[in-house]
């Protein structure tokens, strides 16, 4: 009854106060939310517990989304949701979330990469190219950025020298990229370097 609800809520409050979010706390947070459904402390604590438990089922995702609405500074939840949306091919949701994260911290490299990834996945190639170029300006050896920038150029059918240089750089990172080899061969062939084209 009301007494057991009060005990559960007190226990959940204690767990949340000491930042305890392991799997064994999930039932306490769930029960506390049944007693007090809009309690932002419990919503956030349950979301954090789901996140640490690696839960990706529908109720967990809805809780994490609700927690982020109630507490927009919980950026770890935003990162988790962006990656979840990318995995589920919800690319517009991923891009919206990644852009929102980047607005909150424009210098954050993880957020920049997420915007680039989501832009690339949703076929917004100009935005992806701009973000990957920015990442590479800070970290020229970043393997994901090197490869994905080249793939974005290839999707735009670019054969200019800058693109060709990026294709060659990406092939050093990942040699098994038929599209990049094809685009690099096209670049050489268009410049009359047929033997270099054949090497690809």
N, C-alpha and C. Protein backbone atom coordinates (compact mmCIF):
# COMPACT_ATOMS: atom_id res chain seq x y z
N UNK A 1 0.80 -1.19 0.00
CA UNK A 1 0.00 0.00 0.00
C UNK A 1 0.84 1.25 0.00
N UNK A 2 0.27 2.29 0.62
CA UNK A 2 0.94 3.59 0.63
C UNK A 2 2.26 3.52 1.37
N UNK A 3 2.31 2.69 2.43
CA UNK A 3 3.54 2.58 3.23
C UNK A 3 4.67 1.98 2.39
N UNK A 4 4.35 0.87 1.67
CA UNK A 4 5.41 0.23 0.87
C UNK A 4 5.86 1.14 -0.27
N UNK A 5 4.92 1.92 -0.84
CA UNK A 5 5.29 2.90 -1.87
C UNK A 5 6.26 3.93 -1.32
N UNK A 6 5.98 4.40 -0.12
CA UNK A 6 6.86 5.40 0.52
C UNK A 6 8.25 4.82 0.75
N UNK A 7 8.29 3.54 1.16
CA UNK A 7 9.58 2.89 1.40
C UNK A 7 10.36 2.76 0.09
N UNK A 8 9.66 2.33 -0.97
CA UNK A 8 10.31 2.18 -2.29
C UNK A 8 10.82 3.53 -2.78
N UNK A 9 9.99 4.57 -2.64
CA UNK A 9 10.41 5.91 -3.08
C UNK A 9 11.63 6.39 -2.30
N UNK A 10 11.63 6.12 -0.99
CA UNK A 10 12.77 6.52 -0.15
C UNK A 10 14.04 5.78 -0.59
N UNK A 11 13.88 4.49 -0.90
CA UNK A 11 15.02 3.68 -1.35
C UNK A 11 15.54 4.20 -2.69
N UNK A 12 14.60 4.49 -3.61
CA UNK A 12 14.98 5.02 -4.93
C UNK A 12 15.68 6.37 -4.79
N UNK A 13 15.16 7.21 -3.89
CA UNK A 13 15.79 8.51 -3.66
C UNK A 13 17.21 8.35 -3.13
N UNK A 14 17.39 7.36 -2.25
CA UNK A 14 18.72 7.10 -1.70
C UNK A 14 19.68 6.63 -2.80
N UNK A 15 19.23 5.67 -3.60
CA UNK A 15 20.05 5.18 -4.72
C UNK A 15 20.46 6.34 -5.64
N UNK A 16 19.46 7.18 -5.99
CA UNK A 16 19.72 8.30 -6.91
C UNK A 16 20.69 9.29 -6.28
N UNK A 17 20.54 9.55 -4.98
CA UNK A 17 21.38 10.54 -4.27
C UNK A 17 22.85 10.10 -4.27
N UNK A 18 23.09 8.78 -4.19
CA UNK A 18 24.49 8.32 -4.17
C UNK A 18 24.96 7.90 -5.57
N UNK A 19 24.10 8.14 -6.58
CA UNK A 19 24.49 7.86 -7.96
C UNK A 19 24.63 6.37 -8.24
N UNK A 20 23.76 5.58 -7.64
CA UNK A 20 23.82 4.13 -7.88
C UNK A 20 22.83 3.76 -8.99
N UNK A 21 23.37 3.26 -10.10
CA UNK A 21 22.55 3.00 -11.28
C UNK A 21 22.76 1.60 -11.83
N UNK A 22 23.28 0.67 -11.02
CA UNK A 22 23.51 -0.67 -11.57
C UNK A 22 22.18 -1.41 -11.73
N UNK A 23 22.23 -2.58 -12.37
CA UNK A 23 21.00 -3.28 -12.79
C UNK A 23 20.06 -3.59 -11.61
N UNK A 24 20.63 -3.84 -10.43
CA UNK A 24 19.77 -4.21 -9.29
C UNK A 24 18.90 -3.05 -8.81
N UNK A 25 19.23 -1.80 -9.23
CA UNK A 25 18.42 -0.65 -8.81
C UNK A 25 17.20 -0.45 -9.71
N UNK A 26 17.20 -1.10 -10.87
CA UNK A 26 16.11 -0.87 -11.85
C UNK A 26 14.72 -1.12 -11.25
N UNK A 27 14.49 -2.27 -10.58
CA UNK A 27 13.13 -2.48 -10.02
C UNK A 27 12.70 -1.39 -9.04
N UNK A 28 13.64 -0.90 -8.22
CA UNK A 28 13.28 0.15 -7.25
C UNK A 28 12.86 1.43 -7.98
N UNK A 29 13.63 1.81 -9.00
CA UNK A 29 13.27 3.02 -9.76
C UNK A 29 11.94 2.83 -10.49
N UNK A 30 11.73 1.64 -11.05
CA UNK A 30 10.46 1.38 -11.77
C UNK A 30 9.27 1.50 -10.83
N UNK A 31 9.40 0.88 -9.65
CA UNK A 31 8.29 0.94 -8.68
C UNK A 31 8.07 2.36 -8.16
N UNK A 32 9.16 3.08 -7.93
CA UNK A 32 9.05 4.46 -7.46
C UNK A 32 8.32 5.30 -8.50
N UNK A 33 8.58 5.05 -9.78
CA UNK A 33 7.91 5.80 -10.85
C UNK A 33 6.43 5.45 -10.96
N UNK A 34 6.07 4.23 -10.59
CA UNK A 34 4.64 3.88 -10.59
C UNK A 34 3.93 4.72 -9.53
N UNK A 35 4.60 4.96 -8.42
CA UNK A 35 4.00 5.77 -7.34
C UNK A 35 4.04 7.26 -7.68
N UNK A 36 5.09 7.68 -8.43
CA UNK A 36 5.27 9.11 -8.71
C UNK A 36 5.78 9.26 -10.15
N UNK A 37 4.86 9.12 -11.14
CA UNK A 37 5.26 8.97 -12.55
C UNK A 37 6.04 10.14 -13.15
N UNK A 38 5.87 11.34 -12.64
CA UNK A 38 6.54 12.50 -13.26
C UNK A 38 7.77 12.97 -12.47
N UNK A 39 8.19 12.17 -11.50
CA UNK A 39 9.35 12.55 -10.68
C UNK A 39 10.61 12.53 -11.54
N UNK A 40 11.18 13.71 -11.80
CA UNK A 40 12.30 13.79 -12.74
C UNK A 40 13.55 13.09 -12.21
N UNK A 41 13.72 13.05 -10.89
CA UNK A 41 14.87 12.34 -10.31
C UNK A 41 14.78 10.86 -10.62
N UNK A 42 13.59 10.27 -10.46
CA UNK A 42 13.41 8.84 -10.72
C UNK A 42 13.52 8.52 -12.21
N UNK A 43 12.95 9.40 -13.04
CA UNK A 43 13.02 9.19 -14.50
C UNK A 43 14.49 9.18 -14.94
N UNK A 44 15.23 10.18 -14.45
CA UNK A 44 16.65 10.26 -14.83
C UNK A 44 17.43 9.06 -14.31
N UNK A 45 17.18 8.69 -13.06
CA UNK A 45 17.92 7.57 -12.46
C UNK A 45 17.63 6.26 -13.20
N UNK A 46 16.35 6.04 -13.56
CA UNK A 46 16.00 4.82 -14.29
C UNK A 46 16.64 4.82 -15.68
N UNK A 47 16.65 6.00 -16.32
CA UNK A 47 17.28 6.12 -17.64
C UNK A 47 18.77 5.77 -17.54
N UNK A 48 19.45 6.31 -16.54
CA UNK A 48 20.88 6.02 -16.34
C UNK A 48 21.10 4.53 -16.08
N UNK A 49 20.21 3.92 -15.30
CA UNK A 49 20.33 2.49 -15.01
C UNK A 49 20.13 1.66 -16.28
N UNK A 50 19.14 2.03 -17.09
CA UNK A 50 18.92 1.33 -18.37
C UNK A 50 20.15 1.48 -19.27
N UNK A 51 20.69 2.69 -19.29
CA UNK A 51 21.85 2.97 -20.14
C UNK A 51 23.03 2.07 -19.74
N UNK A 52 23.30 1.99 -18.44
CA UNK A 52 24.42 1.17 -17.97
C UNK A 52 24.17 -0.31 -18.18
N UNK A 53 22.89 -0.72 -18.17
CA UNK A 53 22.55 -2.13 -18.38
C UNK A 53 22.52 -2.48 -19.88
N UNK A 54 22.70 -1.45 -20.72
CA UNK A 54 22.69 -1.69 -22.17
C UNK A 54 21.30 -2.03 -22.71
N UNK A 55 20.27 -1.57 -22.03
CA UNK A 55 18.90 -1.88 -22.45
C UNK A 55 18.52 -1.06 -23.67
N UNK A 56 17.95 -1.75 -24.69
CA UNK A 56 17.55 -1.05 -25.92
C UNK A 56 16.11 -1.37 -26.30
N UNK A 57 15.36 -1.93 -25.35
CA UNK A 57 13.95 -2.24 -25.62
C UNK A 57 13.13 -0.95 -25.60
N UNK A 58 11.92 -1.05 -26.10
CA UNK A 58 11.08 0.14 -26.28
C UNK A 58 10.83 0.91 -24.97
N UNK A 59 10.45 0.24 -23.85
CA UNK A 59 10.23 1.00 -22.61
C UNK A 59 11.49 1.73 -22.14
N UNK A 60 12.65 1.09 -22.32
CA UNK A 60 13.91 1.73 -21.90
C UNK A 60 14.18 2.97 -22.74
N UNK A 61 14.00 2.86 -24.05
CA UNK A 61 14.27 4.00 -24.95
C UNK A 61 13.30 5.15 -24.63
N UNK A 62 12.03 4.81 -24.40
CA UNK A 62 11.05 5.86 -24.06
C UNK A 62 11.43 6.57 -22.76
N UNK A 63 11.92 5.80 -21.79
CA UNK A 63 12.35 6.40 -20.51
C UNK A 63 13.55 7.31 -20.72
N UNK A 64 14.51 6.86 -21.53
CA UNK A 64 15.72 7.66 -21.79
C UNK A 64 15.34 8.96 -22.52
N UNK A 65 14.42 8.85 -23.49
CA UNK A 65 13.96 10.05 -24.21
C UNK A 65 13.27 11.03 -23.25
N UNK A 66 12.43 10.48 -22.38
CA UNK A 66 11.70 11.32 -21.41
C UNK A 66 12.67 11.98 -20.44
N UNK A 67 13.68 11.23 -20.01
CA UNK A 67 14.68 11.78 -19.07
C UNK A 67 15.44 12.93 -19.70
N UNK A 68 15.76 12.79 -20.99
CA UNK A 68 16.50 13.86 -21.67
C UNK A 68 15.63 15.11 -21.84
N UNK A 69 14.33 14.91 -22.09
CA UNK A 69 13.41 16.06 -22.19
C UNK A 69 13.35 16.80 -20.85
N UNK A 70 13.33 16.03 -19.76
CA UNK A 70 13.23 16.64 -18.43
C UNK A 70 14.56 17.26 -17.99
N UNK A 71 15.67 16.69 -18.50
CA UNK A 71 16.99 17.16 -18.07
C UNK A 71 17.92 17.26 -19.29
N UNK A 72 17.80 18.36 -20.05
CA UNK A 72 18.56 18.49 -21.30
C UNK A 72 20.08 18.53 -21.12
N UNK A 73 20.56 18.68 -19.87
CA UNK A 73 22.01 18.70 -19.68
C UNK A 73 22.60 17.29 -19.59
N UNK A 74 21.75 16.26 -19.60
CA UNK A 74 22.23 14.87 -19.50
C UNK A 74 22.71 14.41 -20.88
N UNK A 75 23.88 14.92 -21.26
CA UNK A 75 24.35 14.71 -22.65
C UNK A 75 24.68 13.25 -22.94
N UNK A 76 25.05 12.49 -21.88
CA UNK A 76 25.34 11.07 -22.12
C UNK A 76 24.11 10.35 -22.67
N UNK A 77 22.92 10.79 -22.23
CA UNK A 77 21.68 10.20 -22.75
C UNK A 77 21.50 10.57 -24.23
N UNK A 78 21.85 11.81 -24.58
CA UNK A 78 21.76 12.26 -25.97
C UNK A 78 22.69 11.48 -26.89
N UNK A 79 23.90 11.23 -26.41
CA UNK A 79 24.88 10.44 -27.20
C UNK A 79 24.35 9.02 -27.40
N UNK A 80 23.84 8.44 -26.32
CA UNK A 80 23.28 7.08 -26.40
C UNK A 80 22.15 7.04 -27.43
N UNK A 81 21.24 8.01 -27.35
CA UNK A 81 20.08 8.03 -28.26
C UNK A 81 20.52 8.25 -29.71
N UNK A 82 21.51 9.12 -29.93
CA UNK A 82 22.00 9.34 -31.30
C UNK A 82 22.51 8.03 -31.89
N UNK A 83 23.32 7.32 -31.12
CA UNK A 83 23.85 6.03 -31.61
C UNK A 83 22.75 5.00 -31.81
N UNK A 84 21.77 5.00 -30.90
CA UNK A 84 20.63 4.08 -31.03
C UNK A 84 19.85 4.38 -32.30
N UNK A 85 19.57 5.67 -32.56
CA UNK A 85 18.83 6.05 -33.77
C UNK A 85 19.62 5.66 -35.04
N UNK A 86 20.93 5.85 -35.01
CA UNK A 86 21.75 5.45 -36.16
C UNK A 86 21.64 3.95 -36.41
N UNK A 87 21.74 3.16 -35.33
CA UNK A 87 21.63 1.70 -35.47
C UNK A 87 20.27 1.28 -36.03
N UNK A 88 19.24 2.02 -35.63
CA UNK A 88 17.87 1.68 -36.07
C UNK A 88 17.51 2.33 -37.41
N UNK A 89 18.49 2.98 -38.03
CA UNK A 89 18.31 3.68 -39.31
C UNK A 89 17.28 4.80 -39.22
N UNK A 90 17.16 5.37 -38.03
CA UNK A 90 16.31 6.56 -37.84
C UNK A 90 17.23 7.78 -38.00
N UNK A 91 17.68 7.98 -39.24
CA UNK A 91 18.77 8.92 -39.50
C UNK A 91 18.37 10.37 -39.22
N UNK A 92 17.13 10.74 -39.53
CA UNK A 92 16.71 12.13 -39.27
C UNK A 92 16.69 12.41 -37.77
N UNK A 93 16.20 11.43 -36.99
CA UNK A 93 16.20 11.59 -35.52
C UNK A 93 17.63 11.68 -35.00
N UNK A 94 18.52 10.85 -35.58
CA UNK A 94 19.92 10.86 -35.16
C UNK A 94 20.56 12.22 -35.45
N UNK A 95 20.29 12.74 -36.63
CA UNK A 95 20.88 14.02 -37.02
C UNK A 95 20.35 15.17 -36.15
N UNK A 96 19.05 15.14 -35.90
CA UNK A 96 18.43 16.16 -35.06
C UNK A 96 19.07 16.15 -33.65
N UNK A 97 19.23 14.95 -33.09
CA UNK A 97 19.82 14.81 -31.76
C UNK A 97 21.29 15.24 -31.76
N UNK A 98 22.03 14.82 -32.79
CA UNK A 98 23.46 15.16 -32.87
C UNK A 98 23.65 16.67 -33.02
N UNK A 99 22.82 17.31 -33.85
CA UNK A 99 22.91 18.77 -34.01
C UNK A 99 22.61 19.48 -32.70
N UNK A 100 21.60 18.96 -31.99
CA UNK A 100 21.22 19.54 -30.69
C UNK A 100 22.39 19.43 -29.71
N UNK A 101 23.05 18.27 -29.69
CA UNK A 101 24.20 18.08 -28.81
C UNK A 101 25.31 19.08 -29.17
N UNK A 102 25.57 19.22 -30.46
CA UNK A 102 26.65 20.10 -30.91
C UNK A 102 26.34 21.57 -30.57
N UNK A 103 25.05 21.95 -30.62
CA UNK A 103 24.65 23.32 -30.23
C UNK A 103 25.05 23.59 -28.78
N UNK A 104 24.99 22.54 -27.95
CA UNK A 104 25.27 22.72 -26.53
C UNK A 104 26.77 22.84 -26.26
N UNK A 105 27.60 22.35 -27.20
CA UNK A 105 29.05 22.39 -26.99
C UNK A 105 29.72 22.25 -28.36
N UNK A 106 29.94 23.40 -29.00
CA UNK A 106 30.41 23.40 -30.39
C UNK A 106 31.82 22.84 -30.58
N UNK A 107 32.61 22.82 -29.52
CA UNK A 107 34.00 22.33 -29.63
C UNK A 107 34.11 20.84 -29.31
N UNK A 108 33.01 20.21 -28.95
CA UNK A 108 33.06 18.80 -28.52
C UNK A 108 33.26 17.89 -29.74
N UNK A 109 34.40 17.21 -29.76
CA UNK A 109 34.75 16.39 -30.93
C UNK A 109 33.81 15.19 -31.10
N UNK A 110 33.37 14.62 -30.00
CA UNK A 110 32.44 13.49 -30.10
C UNK A 110 31.14 13.93 -30.77
N UNK A 111 30.65 15.13 -30.41
CA UNK A 111 29.41 15.63 -30.99
C UNK A 111 29.62 15.96 -32.48
N UNK A 112 30.81 16.53 -32.81
CA UNK A 112 31.11 16.83 -34.22
C UNK A 112 31.08 15.56 -35.06
N UNK A 113 31.68 14.50 -34.51
CA UNK A 113 31.71 13.22 -35.23
C UNK A 113 30.30 12.64 -35.38
N UNK A 114 29.49 12.79 -34.35
CA UNK A 114 28.11 12.28 -34.42
C UNK A 114 27.31 13.03 -35.49
N UNK A 115 27.49 14.36 -35.58
CA UNK A 115 26.80 15.13 -36.63
C UNK A 115 27.28 14.66 -38.01
N UNK A 116 28.59 14.46 -38.15
CA UNK A 116 29.14 13.99 -39.42
C UNK A 116 28.58 12.62 -39.78
N UNK A 117 28.58 11.72 -38.81
CA UNK A 117 28.07 10.36 -39.03
C UNK A 117 26.59 10.37 -39.43
N UNK A 118 25.80 11.14 -38.68
CA UNK A 118 24.36 11.19 -38.95
C UNK A 118 24.08 11.88 -40.29
N UNK A 119 24.85 12.92 -40.62
CA UNK A 119 24.69 13.61 -41.91
C UNK A 119 25.01 12.65 -43.05
N UNK A 120 26.10 11.91 -42.90
CA UNK A 120 26.52 10.93 -43.91
C UNK A 120 25.45 9.86 -44.08
N UNK A 121 24.96 9.33 -42.95
CA UNK A 121 23.95 8.26 -42.99
C UNK A 121 22.65 8.74 -43.63
N UNK A 122 22.29 10.01 -43.41
CA UNK A 122 21.04 10.54 -43.97
C UNK A 122 21.25 11.17 -45.34
N UNK A 123 22.45 10.97 -45.90
CA UNK A 123 22.79 11.41 -47.25
C UNK A 123 22.84 12.93 -47.40
N UNK A 124 23.08 13.62 -46.29
CA UNK A 124 23.32 15.08 -46.34
C UNK A 124 24.83 15.26 -46.47
N UNK A 125 25.31 15.04 -47.70
CA UNK A 125 26.74 14.86 -47.91
C UNK A 125 27.53 16.14 -47.69
N UNK A 126 26.97 17.30 -48.06
CA UNK A 126 27.72 18.55 -47.88
C UNK A 126 27.98 18.82 -46.40
N UNK A 127 26.97 18.56 -45.57
CA UNK A 127 27.14 18.75 -44.12
C UNK A 127 28.15 17.75 -43.57
N UNK A 128 28.06 16.49 -44.04
CA UNK A 128 28.99 15.45 -43.59
C UNK A 128 30.42 15.83 -43.97
N UNK A 129 30.60 16.29 -45.21
CA UNK A 129 31.94 16.68 -45.69
C UNK A 129 32.51 17.81 -44.82
N UNK A 130 31.69 18.82 -44.57
CA UNK A 130 32.15 19.96 -43.75
C UNK A 130 32.57 19.50 -42.35
N UNK A 131 31.78 18.61 -41.75
CA UNK A 131 32.10 18.14 -40.39
C UNK A 131 33.36 17.28 -40.40
N UNK A 132 33.48 16.36 -41.38
CA UNK A 132 34.67 15.50 -41.42
C UNK A 132 35.92 16.32 -41.71
N UNK A 133 35.80 17.34 -42.56
CA UNK A 133 36.95 18.21 -42.82
C UNK A 133 37.38 18.93 -41.54
N UNK A 134 36.39 19.35 -40.76
CA UNK A 134 36.70 20.04 -39.51
C UNK A 134 37.41 19.09 -38.53
N UNK A 135 36.88 17.86 -38.41
CA UNK A 135 37.49 16.86 -37.53
C UNK A 135 38.94 16.61 -37.96
N UNK A 136 39.15 16.46 -39.28
CA UNK A 136 40.49 16.18 -39.79
C UNK A 136 41.43 17.38 -39.63
N UNK A 137 40.88 18.59 -39.61
CA UNK A 137 41.74 19.76 -39.40
C UNK A 137 42.33 19.73 -37.98
N UNK A 138 41.62 19.10 -37.06
CA UNK A 138 42.11 18.98 -35.67
C UNK A 138 42.91 17.69 -35.48
N UNK A 139 42.46 16.63 -36.16
CA UNK A 139 43.08 15.30 -35.99
C UNK A 139 43.28 14.67 -37.36
N UNK A 140 44.36 15.02 -38.05
CA UNK A 140 44.56 14.56 -39.43
C UNK A 140 44.63 13.04 -39.58
N UNK A 141 44.94 12.32 -38.49
CA UNK A 141 45.10 10.87 -38.59
C UNK A 141 43.85 10.09 -38.17
N UNK A 142 42.77 10.79 -37.89
CA UNK A 142 41.56 10.09 -37.44
C UNK A 142 41.09 9.12 -38.53
N UNK A 143 41.15 7.80 -38.29
CA UNK A 143 40.87 6.85 -39.37
C UNK A 143 39.42 6.87 -39.87
N UNK A 144 38.46 7.02 -38.94
CA UNK A 144 37.04 7.05 -39.35
C UNK A 144 36.76 8.27 -40.22
N UNK A 145 37.29 9.42 -39.80
CA UNK A 145 37.06 10.66 -40.56
C UNK A 145 37.72 10.56 -41.94
N UNK A 146 38.92 10.00 -42.00
CA UNK A 146 39.62 9.86 -43.30
C UNK A 146 38.79 9.00 -44.26
N UNK A 147 38.30 7.87 -43.75
CA UNK A 147 37.53 6.96 -44.59
C UNK A 147 36.19 7.56 -44.98
N UNK A 148 35.47 8.10 -44.00
CA UNK A 148 34.11 8.59 -44.28
C UNK A 148 34.10 9.84 -45.14
N UNK A 149 35.12 10.70 -45.00
CA UNK A 149 35.20 11.87 -45.88
C UNK A 149 35.39 11.39 -47.33
N UNK A 150 36.26 10.41 -47.52
CA UNK A 150 36.48 9.87 -48.87
C UNK A 150 35.19 9.25 -49.43
N UNK A 151 34.48 8.52 -48.60
CA UNK A 151 33.22 7.90 -49.06
C UNK A 151 32.18 8.96 -49.41
N UNK A 152 32.15 10.05 -48.65
CA UNK A 152 31.22 11.15 -48.96
C UNK A 152 31.59 11.79 -50.30
N UNK A 153 32.89 12.02 -50.53
CA UNK A 153 33.33 12.54 -51.84
C UNK A 153 32.92 11.59 -52.96
N UNK A 154 33.12 10.29 -52.73
CA UNK A 154 32.80 9.30 -53.77
C UNK A 154 31.31 9.30 -54.09
N UNK A 155 30.49 9.46 -53.05
CA UNK A 155 29.03 9.51 -53.29
C UNK A 155 28.64 10.73 -54.11
N UNK A 156 29.49 11.77 -54.04
CA UNK A 156 29.24 12.97 -54.85
C UNK A 156 29.94 12.89 -56.20
N UNK A 157 30.56 11.75 -56.47
CA UNK A 157 31.25 11.49 -57.76
C UNK A 157 32.37 12.49 -58.02
N UNK A 158 33.08 12.87 -56.97
CA UNK A 158 34.16 13.85 -57.14
C UNK A 158 35.43 13.16 -57.65
N UNK A 159 36.07 13.76 -58.66
CA UNK A 159 37.32 13.23 -59.20
C UNK A 159 38.42 14.29 -59.21
N UNK A 160 38.21 15.38 -58.47
CA UNK A 160 39.20 16.46 -58.42
C UNK A 160 40.42 16.02 -57.59
N UNK A 161 41.52 16.75 -57.67
CA UNK A 161 42.73 16.35 -56.94
C UNK A 161 42.55 16.21 -55.41
N UNK A 162 41.77 17.13 -54.80
CA UNK A 162 41.54 17.02 -53.35
C UNK A 162 40.85 15.71 -53.01
N UNK A 163 39.83 15.37 -53.79
CA UNK A 163 39.11 14.12 -53.56
C UNK A 163 40.05 12.93 -53.78
N UNK A 164 40.84 12.98 -54.85
CA UNK A 164 41.76 11.88 -55.14
C UNK A 164 42.76 11.67 -54.01
N UNK A 165 43.23 12.78 -53.46
CA UNK A 165 44.16 12.69 -52.32
C UNK A 165 43.48 12.03 -51.12
N UNK A 166 42.20 12.37 -50.92
CA UNK A 166 41.44 11.78 -49.82
C UNK A 166 41.18 10.29 -50.06
N UNK A 167 40.91 9.91 -51.33
CA UNK A 167 40.71 8.48 -51.64
C UNK A 167 41.97 7.70 -51.29
N UNK A 168 43.12 8.23 -51.71
CA UNK A 168 44.40 7.55 -51.44
C UNK A 168 44.64 7.44 -49.93
N UNK A 169 44.34 8.51 -49.19
CA UNK A 169 44.51 8.52 -47.74
C UNK A 169 43.60 7.47 -47.08
N UNK A 170 42.36 7.40 -47.55
CA UNK A 170 41.39 6.45 -46.98
C UNK A 170 41.79 5.01 -47.28
N UNK A 171 42.34 4.77 -48.46
CA UNK A 171 42.75 3.41 -48.83
C UNK A 171 43.93 2.93 -47.98
N UNK A 172 44.69 3.85 -47.41
CA UNK A 172 45.74 3.46 -46.46
C UNK A 172 45.10 2.94 -45.17
N UNK A 173 43.95 3.50 -44.83
CA UNK A 173 43.24 3.10 -43.61
C UNK A 173 42.50 1.79 -43.83
N UNK A 174 41.84 1.68 -44.99
CA UNK A 174 41.00 0.52 -45.29
C UNK A 174 41.15 0.19 -46.78
N UNK A 175 41.96 -0.82 -47.06
CA UNK A 175 42.32 -1.12 -48.46
C UNK A 175 41.15 -1.71 -49.26
N UNK A 176 40.21 -2.35 -48.57
CA UNK A 176 39.13 -3.05 -49.26
C UNK A 176 37.94 -2.12 -49.48
N UNK A 177 38.12 -1.14 -50.37
CA UNK A 177 37.08 -0.14 -50.67
C UNK A 177 36.95 -0.01 -52.18
N UNK A 178 36.20 -0.92 -52.83
CA UNK A 178 36.12 -0.90 -54.30
C UNK A 178 35.66 0.45 -54.87
N UNK A 179 34.72 1.11 -54.21
CA UNK A 179 34.21 2.39 -54.71
C UNK A 179 35.34 3.43 -54.74
N UNK A 180 36.15 3.48 -53.68
CA UNK A 180 37.24 4.45 -53.63
C UNK A 180 38.30 4.14 -54.68
N UNK A 181 38.59 2.86 -54.87
CA UNK A 181 39.56 2.48 -55.91
C UNK A 181 39.05 2.90 -57.29
N UNK A 182 37.75 2.69 -57.52
CA UNK A 182 37.14 3.06 -58.79
C UNK A 182 37.24 4.57 -59.02
N UNK A 183 36.91 5.36 -57.99
CA UNK A 183 36.94 6.82 -58.12
C UNK A 183 38.38 7.32 -58.32
N UNK A 184 39.35 6.69 -57.66
CA UNK A 184 40.75 7.08 -57.82
C UNK A 184 41.22 6.73 -59.24
N UNK A 185 40.81 5.58 -59.73
CA UNK A 185 41.16 5.17 -61.11
C UNK A 185 40.56 6.17 -62.10
N UNK A 186 39.31 6.59 -61.86
CA UNK A 186 38.67 7.57 -62.74
C UNK A 186 39.44 8.88 -62.75
N UNK A 187 39.88 9.29 -61.57
CA UNK A 187 40.67 10.53 -61.46
C UNK A 187 41.91 10.43 -62.35
N UNK A 188 42.65 9.32 -62.23
CA UNK A 188 43.88 9.15 -63.02
C UNK A 188 43.57 9.07 -64.52
N UNK A 189 42.53 8.33 -64.87
CA UNK A 189 42.17 8.15 -66.28
C UNK A 189 41.79 9.50 -66.91
N UNK A 190 41.03 10.32 -66.15
CA UNK A 190 40.61 11.62 -66.67
C UNK A 190 41.81 12.55 -66.88
N UNK A 191 42.89 12.28 -66.12
CA UNK A 191 44.10 13.10 -66.27
C UNK A 191 45.06 12.47 -67.28
N UNK A 192 44.63 11.37 -67.92
CA UNK A 192 45.46 10.72 -68.93
C UNK A 192 46.53 9.79 -68.35
N UNK A 193 46.44 9.54 -67.04
CA UNK A 193 47.43 8.63 -66.40
C UNK A 193 46.85 7.21 -66.38
N UNK A 194 46.88 6.55 -67.52
CA UNK A 194 46.18 5.26 -67.66
C UNK A 194 46.85 4.14 -66.88
N UNK A 195 48.18 4.18 -66.78
CA UNK A 195 48.84 3.10 -66.04
C UNK A 195 48.51 3.23 -64.55
N UNK A 196 48.45 4.48 -64.05
CA UNK A 196 48.07 4.70 -62.64
C UNK A 196 46.62 4.27 -62.42
N UNK A 197 45.78 4.52 -63.43
CA UNK A 197 44.37 4.10 -63.33
C UNK A 197 44.29 2.58 -63.25
N UNK A 198 45.08 1.89 -64.06
CA UNK A 198 45.03 0.43 -64.09
C UNK A 198 45.56 -0.16 -62.77
N UNK A 199 46.46 0.56 -62.11
CA UNK A 199 46.99 0.07 -60.83
C UNK A 199 45.90 -0.03 -59.77
N UNK A 200 44.84 0.75 -59.93
CA UNK A 200 43.75 0.71 -58.97
C UNK A 200 42.88 -0.50 -59.23
